[in-house]
Every structure is written in C-alpha cells, then in structure tokens.
N, C-alpha and C. Protein backbone atom coordinates (compact mmCIF):
# COMPACT_ATOMS: atom_id res chain seq x y z
N MET A 1 17.90 12.40 7.59
CA MET A 1 18.58 13.06 6.53
C MET A 1 18.12 14.51 6.45
N ARG A 2 16.82 14.72 6.59
CA ARG A 2 16.30 16.09 6.53
C ARG A 2 16.91 16.93 7.64
N ASP A 3 16.94 16.40 8.85
CA ASP A 3 17.51 17.14 9.98
C ASP A 3 18.98 17.47 9.73
N TYR A 4 19.71 16.54 9.16
CA TYR A 4 21.12 16.78 8.84
C TYR A 4 21.26 17.93 7.85
N LEU A 5 20.47 17.92 6.80
CA LEU A 5 20.56 18.99 5.80
C LEU A 5 20.21 20.35 6.38
N VAL A 6 19.22 20.38 7.27
CA VAL A 6 18.82 21.65 7.88
C VAL A 6 19.89 22.15 8.85
N LYS A 7 20.37 21.26 9.71
CA LYS A 7 21.30 21.69 10.77
C LYS A 7 22.74 21.88 10.27
N LYS A 8 23.22 20.97 9.45
CA LYS A 8 24.63 21.01 9.06
C LYS A 8 24.90 21.74 7.75
N LYS A 9 23.93 21.77 6.87
CA LYS A 9 24.13 22.39 5.55
C LYS A 9 23.35 23.68 5.39
N ASN A 10 22.67 24.09 6.47
CA ASN A 10 21.94 25.36 6.50
C ASN A 10 20.91 25.51 5.39
N ILE A 11 20.23 24.44 5.07
CA ILE A 11 19.14 24.50 4.10
C ILE A 11 17.86 24.79 4.87
N LYS A 12 17.08 25.74 4.40
CA LYS A 12 15.85 26.11 5.10
C LYS A 12 14.89 24.91 5.12
N SER A 13 14.33 24.65 6.28
CA SER A 13 13.43 23.50 6.43
C SER A 13 12.19 23.62 5.54
N THR A 14 11.81 24.84 5.20
CA THR A 14 10.63 25.04 4.34
C THR A 14 10.89 24.60 2.90
N ARG A 15 12.17 24.39 2.55
CA ARG A 15 12.51 23.96 1.20
C ARG A 15 12.51 22.44 1.04
N LEU A 16 12.36 21.73 2.16
CA LEU A 16 12.44 20.27 2.13
C LEU A 16 11.12 19.65 2.56
N ARG A 17 10.78 18.57 1.91
CA ARG A 17 9.59 17.82 2.26
C ARG A 17 10.00 16.35 2.39
N THR A 18 9.50 15.68 3.41
CA THR A 18 9.85 14.27 3.60
C THR A 18 8.61 13.39 3.55
N LYS A 19 8.86 12.14 3.21
CA LYS A 19 7.78 11.17 3.19
C LYS A 19 8.38 9.80 3.50
N GLY A 20 7.85 9.13 4.51
CA GLY A 20 8.33 7.81 4.87
C GLY A 20 7.46 6.74 4.23
N TYR A 21 8.09 5.72 3.68
CA TYR A 21 7.34 4.65 3.03
C TYR A 21 7.31 3.37 3.85
N GLY A 22 8.29 3.19 4.72
CA GLY A 22 8.32 1.99 5.54
C GLY A 22 8.30 0.73 4.69
N MET A 23 7.38 -0.15 4.95
CA MET A 23 7.30 -1.42 4.24
C MET A 23 6.47 -1.31 2.95
N ASP A 24 5.96 -0.14 2.64
CA ASP A 24 5.04 0.02 1.51
C ASP A 24 5.72 0.06 0.14
N ASP A 25 7.00 0.38 0.08
CA ASP A 25 7.64 0.57 -1.22
C ASP A 25 9.02 -0.08 -1.28
N PRO A 26 9.12 -1.39 -1.04
CA PRO A 26 10.43 -2.04 -1.09
C PRO A 26 10.94 -2.14 -2.53
N VAL A 27 12.26 -2.09 -2.69
CA VAL A 27 12.85 -2.27 -4.02
C VAL A 27 13.32 -3.71 -4.21
N ALA A 28 13.35 -4.47 -3.12
CA ALA A 28 13.80 -5.87 -3.19
C ALA A 28 13.01 -6.69 -2.18
N ASP A 29 13.15 -8.00 -2.28
CA ASP A 29 12.46 -8.94 -1.40
C ASP A 29 13.05 -8.88 0.01
N ASN A 30 12.23 -8.66 1.02
CA ASN A 30 12.70 -8.56 2.39
C ASN A 30 12.98 -9.90 3.05
N SER A 31 12.77 -11.00 2.34
CA SER A 31 12.99 -12.31 2.96
C SER A 31 14.46 -12.73 2.93
N THR A 32 15.31 -11.97 2.25
CA THR A 32 16.74 -12.29 2.21
C THR A 32 17.54 -11.13 2.81
N GLU A 33 18.76 -11.43 3.28
CA GLU A 33 19.62 -10.38 3.83
C GLU A 33 19.97 -9.34 2.77
N ASP A 34 20.24 -9.81 1.57
CA ASP A 34 20.58 -8.88 0.49
C ASP A 34 19.40 -7.96 0.17
N GLY A 35 18.21 -8.51 0.13
CA GLY A 35 17.03 -7.70 -0.13
C GLY A 35 16.79 -6.68 0.96
N GLN A 36 16.97 -7.08 2.21
CA GLN A 36 16.82 -6.14 3.32
C GLN A 36 17.84 -5.02 3.24
N ARG A 37 19.06 -5.37 2.84
CA ARG A 37 20.12 -4.36 2.71
C ARG A 37 19.76 -3.36 1.62
N GLN A 38 19.20 -3.84 0.53
CA GLN A 38 18.81 -2.94 -0.56
C GLN A 38 17.66 -2.03 -0.16
N ASN A 39 16.81 -2.49 0.73
CA ASN A 39 15.66 -1.70 1.15
C ASN A 39 15.99 -0.64 2.20
N ARG A 40 17.18 -0.71 2.79
CA ARG A 40 17.61 0.35 3.71
C ARG A 40 18.24 1.44 2.88
N ARG A 41 17.45 2.45 2.56
CA ARG A 41 17.94 3.45 1.63
C ARG A 41 17.28 4.80 1.88
N VAL A 42 17.85 5.80 1.28
CA VAL A 42 17.28 7.14 1.27
C VAL A 42 17.18 7.54 -0.19
N ASP A 43 16.00 7.92 -0.62
CA ASP A 43 15.79 8.37 -2.00
C ASP A 43 15.59 9.87 -2.00
N PHE A 44 16.19 10.53 -2.97
CA PHE A 44 15.98 11.96 -3.16
C PHE A 44 15.26 12.15 -4.47
N ARG A 45 14.24 12.97 -4.44
CA ARG A 45 13.53 13.32 -5.67
C ARG A 45 13.48 14.83 -5.75
N ILE A 46 14.05 15.36 -6.81
CA ILE A 46 14.04 16.81 -6.99
C ILE A 46 12.75 17.15 -7.71
N ILE A 47 11.91 17.91 -7.02
CA ILE A 47 10.59 18.24 -7.55
C ILE A 47 10.65 19.52 -8.37
N ARG A 48 11.43 20.47 -7.88
CA ARG A 48 11.50 21.75 -8.57
C ARG A 48 12.84 22.40 -8.24
N ARG A 49 13.43 23.05 -9.19
CA ARG A 49 14.70 23.76 -8.97
C ARG A 49 14.46 25.20 -8.72
C-alpha cells in the first residue's frame, strides 16, 4: 500500500510510516475462514495532519 501511494499518488515517502503486525494483532479468530478473511486488512492511522 505504501509503495502504491508513493508511486501512483505522488506522496513523498518521508511522509509515510509503515508497521507490519503479522499474527500479532488479529481482529478475529484465525481458525475459521471468516476470521482469516477479516484479518487480511490494511489499517490507516492518521498521526498528524
């Protein structure tokens, strides 16, 4: 997502910060298909405008 924003939307890379959570921060149970689907996501957090 970060690469897309930098390359296609011309946002300076210095304005973006990324952090991967992997299995550390699931929003649902990974033992079901529905839970796995919910855990495949991208979250945006606006830190400062």
